[in-house]
Amino acid sequence: MLINDHLANMGETLFRWRSFVLTLFIPIVFFAIWQGEAIELRFGDTVGEIYEAICLVLVLTGVGLRAFTVGYVPARTSGRNTKGQVADSLNTTGIYSVVRNPLYLANAIGYMGVALYTQWLWVGALMALVLVIYFERIIAAEERFLSDKFGQDYSDWAARTPAFFPRLSGWVNPALPFSWRTVFRREHPSWLSTMTMMYALEMLSTWRKGEALSDATAWHVAMLAVIALQIVMMALKKWTRFFRVDGR
């Protein structure tokens, strides 16, 4: 078997389980947090707070890039499906005109933000290694699927568009207008999982330092706000068509 086919076959399996595979990293992140905040211990509280703020920016950048991507795509593309590959059309405009896998790029940025938030650089390095292995195989599987389905159109687009790191030129305006309703409908589970992870890390770190959990008011408010959003979204999706947009 050719190496590319082997990678793609592995990627098919990872694709089906992609929502759960990286949860295996959670114990490592929690273990690192329990060892203390290395940056803060070495350089002081101010540097530690600046460092954590940078990590939060990375996490929010990942969330924002996902929202920006999903807001422009048509139905049955760039979805959250896990049973198999789905693509009724080939996205080549908007963010897809400068990078072929913007959602995986967004996920990688967010994952790195979470890993680095532990303040242990070895966790970030390990996460980076896992992401390279993980996304390389999933992307290989998706490329095989798209190449088989769209043929020369996919080959032409792939030839001019980087797979993972965006180029700084050649932007093509999106074919569809931005739909915030599509973003809310499709992305609210990601917002809950991201917020839950960051909240858990912050609470564990606060407890580890012997500080009162009740003092983390901003974190409690943010967590409750995201939970409330989930409840509202699930109710609206079940009993209304408010977040349904034709062609999305």
C-alpha atoms as a PDB file:
ATOM      1  CA  MET A   1       0.000   0.000   0.000  1.00  0.00           C
ATOM      2  CA  LEU A   2       1.252   3.481  -0.875  1.00  0.00           C
ATOM      3  CA  ILE A   3       2.106   5.702   2.090  1.00  0.00           C
ATOM      4  CA  ASN A   4      -0.502   8.299   1.080  1.00  0.00           C
ATOM      5  CA  ASP A   5      -3.191   5.615   0.952  1.00  0.00           C
ATOM      6  CA  HIS A   6      -2.100   4.300   4.339  1.00  0.00           C
ATOM      7  CA  LEU A   7      -2.301   7.803   5.841  1.00  0.00           C
ATOM      8  CA  ALA A   8      -5.708   8.343   4.239  1.00  0.00           C
ATOM      9  CA  ASN A   9      -7.041   5.047   5.587  1.00  0.00           C
ATOM     10  CA  MET A  10      -5.902   5.983   9.074  1.00  0.00           C
ATOM     11  CA  GLY A  11      -7.454   9.389   8.516  1.00  0.00           C
ATOM     12  CA  GLU A  12     -10.838   7.831   7.732  1.00  0.00           C
ATOM     13  CA  THR A  13     -10.864   6.216  11.162  1.00  0.00           C
ATOM     14  CA  LEU A  14      -9.702   9.402  12.893  1.00  0.00           C
ATOM     15  CA  PHE A  15     -12.312  11.391  10.952  1.00  0.00           C
ATOM     16  CA  ARG A  16     -15.130   9.284  12.377  1.00  0.00           C
ATOM     17  CA  TRP A  17     -13.803   9.738  15.900  1.00  0.00           C
ATOM     18  CA  ARG A  18     -12.388  13.241  15.543  1.00  0.00           C
ATOM     19  CA  SER A  19     -14.782  14.709  18.104  1.00  0.00           C
ATOM     20  CA  PHE A  20     -13.378  12.415  20.797  1.00  0.00           C
ATOM     21  CA  VAL A  21      -9.749  11.574  19.976  1.00  0.00           C
ATOM     22  CA  LEU A  22      -8.217  14.705  21.460  1.00  0.00           C
ATOM     23  CA  THR A  23     -10.208  14.270  24.669  1.00  0.00           C
ATOM     24  CA  LEU A  24      -7.527  11.705  25.485  1.00  0.00           C
ATOM     25  CA  PHE A  25      -5.238  14.711  25.975  1.00  0.00           C
ATOM     26  CA  ILE A  26      -7.363  16.085  28.818  1.00  0.00           C
ATOM     27  CA  PRO A  27      -5.655  14.079  31.619  1.00  0.00           C
ATOM     28  CA  ILE A  28      -2.261  15.389  30.475  1.00  0.00           C
ATOM     29  CA  VAL A  29      -3.509  18.976  30.581  1.00  0.00           C
ATOM     30  CA  PHE A  30      -5.035  18.514  34.038  1.00  0.00           C
ATOM     31  CA  PHE A  31      -1.849  16.829  35.294  1.00  0.00           C
ATOM     32  CA  ALA A  32       0.222  19.785  34.086  1.00  0.00           C
ATOM     33  CA  ILE A  33      -2.109  22.296  35.738  1.00  0.00           C
ATOM     34  CA  TRP A  34      -1.811  20.378  39.028  1.00  0.00           C
ATOM     35  CA  GLN A  35       1.984  20.798  38.928  1.00  0.00           C
ATOM     36  CA  GLY A  36       1.565  24.549  39.315  1.00  0.00           C
ATOM     37  CA  GLU A  37       1.843  27.497  36.953  1.00  0.00           C
ATOM     38  CA  ALA A  38       5.464  27.406  35.781  1.00  0.00           C
ATOM     39  CA  ILE A  39       5.541  30.813  34.053  1.00  0.00           C
ATOM     40  CA  GLU A  40       3.955  32.578  37.002  1.00  0.00           C
ATOM     41  CA  LEU A  41       6.199  30.837  39.544  1.00  0.00           C
ATOM     42  CA  ARG A  42       9.349  31.760  37.631  1.00  0.00           C
ATOM     43  CA  PHE A  43       8.573  35.267  36.359  1.00  0.00           C
ATOM     44  CA  GLY A  44       5.887  36.565  38.710  1.00  0.00           C
ATOM     45  CA  ASP A  45       2.133  37.194  38.693  1.00  0.00           C
ATOM     46  CA  THR A  46       2.152  39.970  36.081  1.00  0.00           C
ATOM     47  CA  VAL A  47       4.035  37.942  33.488  1.00  0.00           C
ATOM     48  CA  GLY A  48       1.840  34.944  34.262  1.00  0.00           C
ATOM     49  CA  GLU A  49      -1.332  36.961  33.713  1.00  0.00           C
ATOM     50  CA  ILE A  50      -0.024  38.368  30.419  1.00  0.00           C
ATOM     51  CA  TYR A  51       0.913  34.870  29.296  1.00  0.00           C
ATOM     52  CA  GLU A  52      -2.541  33.514  30.160  1.00  0.00           C
ATOM     53  CA  ALA A  53      -4.149  36.424  28.307  1.00  0.00           C
ATOM     54  CA  ILE A  54      -2.152  35.516  25.193  1.00  0.00           C
ATOM     55  CA  CYS A  55      -3.324  31.903  25.500  1.00  0.00           C
ATOM     56  CA  LEU A  56      -6.929  33.078  25.811  1.00  0.00           C
ATOM     57  CA  VAL A  57      -6.469  35.159  22.665  1.00  0.00           C
ATOM     58  CA  LEU A  58      -5.303  32.013  20.862  1.00  0.00           C
ATOM     59  CA  VAL A  59      -8.376  30.114  22.031  1.00  0.00           C
ATOM     60  CA  LEU A  60     -10.711  32.942  20.988  1.00  0.00           C
ATOM     61  CA  THR A  61      -8.906  33.257  17.648  1.00  0.00           C
ATOM     62  CA  GLY A  62      -9.643  29.603  16.979  1.00  0.00           C
ATOM     63  CA  VAL A  63     -13.299  30.087  17.915  1.00  0.00           C
ATOM     64  CA  GLY A  64     -13.516  33.230  15.786  1.00  0.00           C
ATOM     65  CA  LEU A  65     -11.900  31.624  12.746  1.00  0.00           C
ATOM     66  CA  ARG A  66     -14.348  28.718  12.938  1.00  0.00           C
ATOM     67  CA  ALA A  67     -17.265  31.163  13.109  1.00  0.00           C
ATOM     68  CA  PHE A  68     -15.908  33.206  10.194  1.00  0.00           C
ATOM     69  CA  THR A  69     -15.527  30.052   8.095  1.00  0.00           C
ATOM     70  CA  VAL A  70     -18.887  28.479   8.922  1.00  0.00           C
ATOM     71  CA  GLY A  71     -20.770  31.738   8.390  1.00  0.00           C
ATOM     72  CA  TYR A  72     -20.070  31.688   4.654  1.00  0.00           C
ATOM     73  CA  VAL A  73     -20.298  28.020   3.660  1.00  0.00           C
ATOM     74  CA  PRO A  74     -23.304  26.343   1.969  1.00  0.00           C
ATOM     75  CA  ALA A  75     -25.185  23.354   3.347  1.00  0.00           C
ATOM     76  CA  ARG A  76     -23.504  19.933   3.484  1.00  0.00           C
ATOM     77  CA  THR A  77     -19.987  21.334   3.435  1.00  0.00           C
ATOM     78  CA  SER A  78     -17.552  21.963   6.296  1.00  0.00           C
ATOM     79  CA  GLY A  79     -19.911  20.091   8.582  1.00  0.00           C
ATOM     80  CA  ARG A  80     -19.625  18.242  11.875  1.00  0.00           C
ATOM     81  CA  ASN A  81     -20.514  14.871  10.343  1.00  0.00           C
ATOM     82  CA  THR A  82     -18.621  11.873  11.664  1.00  0.00           C
ATOM     83  CA  LYS A  83     -20.136   8.892   9.839  1.00  0.00           C
ATOM     84  CA  GLY A  84     -18.483   9.753   6.544  1.00  0.00           C
ATOM     85  CA  GLN A  85     -17.237  12.453   4.212  1.00  0.00           C
ATOM     86  CA  VAL A  86     -19.893  14.852   2.867  1.00  0.00           C
ATOM     87  CA  ALA A  87     -19.418  17.591   0.282  1.00  0.00           C
ATOM     88  CA  ASP A  88     -22.150  18.624  -2.130  1.00  0.00           C
ATOM     89  CA  SER A  89     -19.956  21.428  -3.474  1.00  0.00           C
ATOM     90  CA  LEU A  90     -16.348  22.534  -3.354  1.00  0.00           C
ATOM     91  CA  ASN A  91     -15.634  25.609  -1.237  1.00  0.00           C
ATOM     92  CA  THR A  92     -13.014  27.743  -3.004  1.00  0.00           C
ATOM     93  CA  THR A  93     -13.989  31.322  -2.085  1.00  0.00           C
ATOM     94  CA  GLY A  94     -13.632  33.398   1.051  1.00  0.00           C
ATOM     95  CA  ILE A  95     -11.262  31.866   3.576  1.00  0.00           C
ATOM     96  CA  TYR A  96     -11.034  28.783   1.338  1.00  0.00           C
ATOM     97  CA  SER A  97      -9.347  30.896  -1.316  1.00  0.00           C
ATOM     98  CA  VAL A  98      -6.265  31.308   0.888  1.00  0.00           C
ATOM     99  CA  VAL A  99      -6.201  28.015   2.832  1.00  0.00           C
ATOM    100  CA  ARG A 100      -7.793  24.629   2.135  1.00  0.00           C
ATOM    101  CA  ASN A 101      -8.448  23.562   5.729  1.00  0.00           C
ATOM    102  CA  PRO A 102      -9.445  26.649   7.736  1.00  0.00           C
ATOM    103  CA  LEU A 103     -11.498  24.686  10.278  1.00  0.00           C
ATOM    104  CA  TYR A 104      -8.591  22.419  11.138  1.00  0.00           C
ATOM    105  CA  LEU A 105      -6.341  25.469  11.338  1.00  0.00           C
ATOM    106  CA  ALA A 106      -8.847  27.071  13.727  1.00  0.00           C
ATOM    107  CA  ASN A 107      -8.994  23.915  15.825  1.00  0.00           C
ATOM    108  CA  ALA A 108      -5.208  23.714  15.977  1.00  0.00           C
ATOM    109  CA  ILE A 109      -4.934  27.322  17.169  1.00  0.00           C
ATOM    110  CA  GLY A 110      -7.553  26.699  19.846  1.00  0.00           C
ATOM    111  CA  TYR A 111      -5.993  23.432  21.008  1.00  0.00           C
ATOM    112  CA  MET A 112      -2.600  25.078  21.272  1.00  0.00           C
ATOM    113  CA  GLY A 113      -4.114  27.889  23.319  1.00  0.00           C
ATOM    114  CA  VAL A 114      -5.576  25.352  25.755  1.00  0.00           C
ATOM    115  CA  ALA A 115      -2.341  23.349  25.989  1.00  0.00           C
ATOM    116  CA  LEU A 116      -0.176  26.417  26.537  1.00  0.00           C
ATOM    117  CA  TYR A 117      -2.592  27.762  29.163  1.00  0.00           C
ATOM    118  CA  THR A 118      -1.149  25.145  31.516  1.00  0.00           C
ATOM    119  CA  GLN A 119       2.045  27.293  31.537  1.00  0.00           C
ATOM    120  CA  TRP A 120       4.111  24.196  30.779  1.00  0.00           C
ATOM    121  CA  LEU A 121       5.744  24.457  27.362  1.00  0.00           C
ATOM    122  CA  TRP A 122       6.260  20.696  27.128  1.00  0.00           C
ATOM    123  CA  VAL A 123       2.471  20.334  27.025  1.00  0.00           C
ATOM    124  CA  GLY A 124       2.337  22.737  24.080  1.00  0.00           C
ATOM    125  CA  ALA A 125       5.137  20.874  22.295  1.00  0.00           C
ATOM    126  CA  LEU A 126       3.401  17.532  22.839  1.00  0.00           C
ATOM    127  CA  MET A 127       0.098  18.962  21.619  1.00  0.00           C
ATOM    128  CA  ALA A 128       1.793  20.335  18.487  1.00  0.00           C
ATOM    129  CA  LEU A 129       3.261  16.914  17.719  1.00  0.00           C
ATOM    130  CA  VAL A 130      -0.092  15.181  18.219  1.00  0.00           C
ATOM    131  CA  LEU A 131      -1.858  17.733  16.015  1.00  0.00           C
ATOM    132  CA  VAL A 132       0.632  17.272  13.168  1.00  0.00           C
ATOM    133  CA  ILE A 133       0.131  13.496  13.215  1.00  0.00           C
ATOM    134  CA  TYR A 134      -3.633  13.800  13.735  1.00  0.00           C
ATOM    135  CA  PHE A 135      -4.492  16.430  11.125  1.00  0.00           C
ATOM    136  CA  GLU A 136      -2.055  15.103   8.514  1.00  0.00           C
ATOM    137  CA  ARG A 137      -4.002  11.856   8.369  1.00  0.00           C
ATOM    138  CA  ILE A 138      -7.483  13.384   8.460  1.00  0.00           C
ATOM    139  CA  ILE A 139      -6.566  15.879   5.744  1.00  0.00           C
ATOM    140  CA  ALA A 140      -5.133  13.056   3.620  1.00  0.00           C
ATOM    141  CA  ALA A 141      -8.468  11.208   3.889  1.00  0.00           C
ATOM    142  CA  GLU A 142     -10.470  14.307   2.993  1.00  0.00           C
ATOM    143  CA  GLU A 143      -8.200  15.139   0.064  1.00  0.00           C
ATOM    144  CA  ARG A 144      -8.672  11.646  -1.377  1.00  0.00           C
ATOM    145  CA  PHE A 145     -12.447  11.987  -1.056  1.00  0.00           C
ATOM    146  CA  LEU A 146     -12.571  15.462  -2.603  1.00  0.00           C
ATOM    147  CA  SER A 147     -10.181  14.537  -5.404  1.00  0.00           C
ATOM    148  CA  ASP A 148     -12.296  11.517  -6.316  1.00  0.00           C
ATOM    149  CA  LYS A 149     -15.510  13.564  -6.266  1.00  0.00           C
ATOM    150  CA  PHE A 150     -14.462  16.838  -7.875  1.00  0.00           C
ATOM    151  CA  GLY A 151     -11.536  15.700 -10.027  1.00  0.00           C
ATOM    152  CA  GLN A 152      -9.749  18.447 -11.925  1.00  0.00           C
ATOM    153  CA  ASP A 153     -11.588  21.256 -10.133  1.00  0.00           C
ATOM    154  CA  TYR A 154     -10.153  20.057  -6.845  1.00  0.00           C
ATOM    155  CA  SER A 155      -6.682  19.542  -8.331  1.00  0.00           C
ATOM    156  CA  ASP A 156      -6.639  23.087  -9.744  1.00  0.00           C
ATOM    157  CA  TRP A 157      -7.761  24.585  -6.435  1.00  0.00           C
ATOM    158  CA  ALA A 158      -5.300  22.503  -4.418  1.00  0.00           C
ATOM    159  CA  ALA A 159      -2.461  23.524  -6.722  1.00  0.00           C
ATOM    160  CA  ARG A 160      -2.939  27.215  -5.956  1.00  0.00           C
ATOM    161  CA  THR A 161      -4.126  27.051  -2.326  1.00  0.00           C
ATOM    162  CA  PRO A 162      -2.005  26.010   0.685  1.00  0.00           C
ATOM    163  CA  ALA A 163      -3.277  23.082   2.731  1.00  0.00           C
ATOM    164  CA  PHE A 164      -2.785  24.527   6.205  1.00  0.00           C
ATOM    165  CA  PHE A 165      -0.861  27.792   6.467  1.00  0.00           C
ATOM    166  CA  PRO A 166      -2.748  30.612   4.672  1.00  0.00           C
ATOM    167  CA  ARG A 167      -1.113  32.632   1.967  1.00  0.00           C
ATOM    168  CA  LEU A 168      -1.321  36.405   2.214  1.00  0.00           C
ATOM    169  CA  SER A 169      -2.629  37.075  -1.288  1.00  0.00           C
ATOM    170  CA  GLY A 170      -5.240  35.833  -3.732  1.00  0.00           C
ATOM    171  CA  TRP A 171      -8.313  36.462  -1.589  1.00  0.00           C
ATOM    172  CA  VAL A 172     -11.596  35.778  -3.419  1.00  0.00           C
ATOM    173  CA  ASN A 173     -14.767  37.249  -1.944  1.00  0.00           C
ATOM    174  CA  PRO A 174     -17.166  34.629  -0.497  1.00  0.00           C
ATOM    175  CA  ALA A 175     -19.839  33.319  -2.845  1.00  0.00           C
ATOM    176  CA  LEU A 176     -22.510  33.602  -0.108  1.00  0.00           C
ATOM    177  CA  PRO A 177     -23.278  36.341   2.428  1.00  0.00           C
ATOM    178  CA  PHE A 178     -22.344  35.820   6.049  1.00  0.00           C
ATOM    179  CA  SER A 179     -25.054  34.069   8.108  1.00  0.00           C
ATOM    180  CA  TRP A 180     -24.803  34.553  11.863  1.00  0.00           C
ATOM    181  CA  ARG A 181     -27.786  32.231  12.327  1.00  0.00           C
ATOM    182  CA  THR A 182     -25.824  29.438  10.662  1.00  0.00           C
ATOM    183  CA  VAL A 183     -22.873  30.152  12.948  1.00  0.00           C
ATOM    184  CA  PHE A 184     -25.032  29.936  16.085  1.00  0.00           C
ATOM    185  CA  ARG A 185     -26.798  26.776  14.891  1.00  0.00           C
ATOM    186  CA  ARG A 186     -23.626  24.908  13.988  1.00  0.00           C
ATOM    187  CA  GLU A 187     -21.053  26.253  16.420  1.00  0.00           C
ATOM    188  CA  HIS A 188     -22.734  26.447  19.817  1.00  0.00           C
ATOM    189  CA  PRO A 189     -21.558  22.918  20.818  1.00  0.00           C
ATOM    190  CA  SER A 190     -17.952  24.007  20.194  1.00  0.00           C
ATOM    191  CA  TRP A 191     -18.453  27.083  22.339  1.00  0.00           C
ATOM    192  CA  LEU A 192     -19.726  24.952  25.225  1.00  0.00           C
ATOM    193  CA  SER A 193     -16.881  22.423  25.017  1.00  0.00           C
ATOM    194  CA  THR A 194     -14.247  25.173  24.766  1.00  0.00           C
ATOM    195  CA  MET A 195     -15.683  27.167  27.649  1.00  0.00           C
ATOM    196  CA  THR A 196     -16.041  24.040  29.794  1.00  0.00           C
ATOM    197  CA  MET A 197     -12.400  23.098  29.260  1.00  0.00           C
ATOM    198  CA  MET A 198     -11.074  26.574  30.021  1.00  0.00           C
ATOM    199  CA  TYR A 199     -13.350  26.903  33.063  1.00  0.00           C
ATOM    200  CA  ALA A 200     -12.224  23.530  34.427  1.00  0.00           C
ATOM    201  CA  LEU A 201      -8.561  24.450  33.976  1.00  0.00           C
ATOM    202  CA  GLU A 202      -9.022  27.790  35.701  1.00  0.00           C
ATOM    203  CA  MET A 203     -10.960  26.267  38.618  1.00  0.00           C
ATOM    204  CA  LEU A 204      -8.361  23.514  39.072  1.00  0.00           C
ATOM    205  CA  SER A 205      -5.553  26.067  39.000  1.00  0.00           C
ATOM    206  CA  THR A 206      -7.368  28.297  41.502  1.00  0.00           C
ATOM    207  CA  TRP A 207      -7.981  25.368  43.840  1.00  0.00           C
ATOM    208  CA  ARG A 208      -4.367  24.209  43.454  1.00  0.00           C
ATOM    209  CA  LYS A 209      -3.133  27.634  44.598  1.00  0.00           C
ATOM    210  CA  GLY A 210      -5.431  27.567  47.621  1.00  0.00           C
ATOM    211  CA  GLU A 211      -7.501  30.517  46.439  1.00  0.00           C
ATOM    212  CA  ALA A 212     -11.263  30.801  46.872  1.00  0.00           C
ATOM    213  CA  LEU A 213     -13.213  29.509  43.874  1.00  0.00           C
ATOM    214  CA  SER A 214     -15.914  32.075  44.619  1.00  0.00           C
ATOM    215  CA  ASP A 215     -13.506  34.890  43.765  1.00  0.00           C
ATOM    216  CA  ALA A 216     -13.370  33.871  40.080  1.00  0.00           C
ATOM    217  CA  THR A 217     -16.558  35.814  39.354  1.00  0.00           C
ATOM    218  CA  ALA A 218     -15.836  36.539  35.682  1.00  0.00           C
ATOM    219  CA  TRP A 219     -15.254  32.858  34.949  1.00  0.00           C
ATOM    220  CA  HIS A 220     -18.449  31.815  36.719  1.00  0.00           C
ATOM    221  CA  VAL A 221     -20.480  34.391  34.805  1.00  0.00           C
ATOM    222  CA  ALA A 222     -18.955  33.359  31.476  1.00  0.00           C
ATOM    223  CA  MET A 223     -19.632  29.668  32.151  1.00  0.00           C
ATOM    224  CA  LEU A 224     -23.237  30.317  33.152  1.00  0.00           C
ATOM    225  CA  ALA A 225     -23.741  32.521  30.078  1.00  0.00           C
ATOM    226  CA  VAL A 226     -22.527  29.791  27.741  1.00  0.00           C
ATOM    227  CA  ILE A 227     -24.723  27.190  29.459  1.00  0.00           C
ATOM    228  CA  ALA A 228     -27.721  29.506  29.156  1.00  0.00           C
ATOM    229  CA  LEU A 229     -26.943  29.965  25.460  1.00  0.00           C
ATOM    230  CA  GLN A 230     -26.925  26.191  24.972  1.00  0.00           C
ATOM    231  CA  ILE A 231     -30.336  25.835  26.605  1.00  0.00           C
ATOM    232  CA  VAL A 232     -31.807  28.614  24.479  1.00  0.00           C
ATOM    233  CA  MET A 233     -30.245  27.229  21.308  1.00  0.00           C
ATOM    234  CA  MET A 234     -31.504  23.693  21.916  1.00  0.00           C
ATOM    235  CA  ALA A 235     -35.010  24.992  22.601  1.00  0.00           C
ATOM    236  CA  LEU A 236     -35.086  27.198  19.509  1.00  0.00           C
ATOM    237  CA  LYS A 237     -33.665  24.434  17.300  1.00  0.00           C
ATOM    238  CA  LYS A 238     -36.226  21.933  18.576  1.00  0.00           C
ATOM    239  CA  TRP A 239     -39.359  24.056  18.478  1.00  0.00           C
ATOM    240  CA  THR A 240     -38.672  26.730  15.835  1.00  0.00           C
ATOM    241  CA  ARG A 241     -37.003  27.183  12.462  1.00  0.00           C
ATOM    242  CA  PHE A 242     -35.422  30.504  13.456  1.00  0.00           C
ATOM    243  CA  PHE A 243     -31.881  29.288  12.879  1.00  0.00           C
ATOM    244  CA  ARG A 244     -32.648  27.510   9.620  1.00  0.00           C
ATOM    245  CA  VAL A 245     -31.338  29.353   6.576  1.00  0.00           C
ATOM    246  CA  ASP A 246     -32.116  28.206   3.037  1.00  0.00           C
ATOM    247  CA  GLY A 247     -29.078  26.659   1.407  1.00  0.00           C
ATOM    248  CA  ARG A 248     -27.164  26.553   4.698  1.00  0.00           C
END
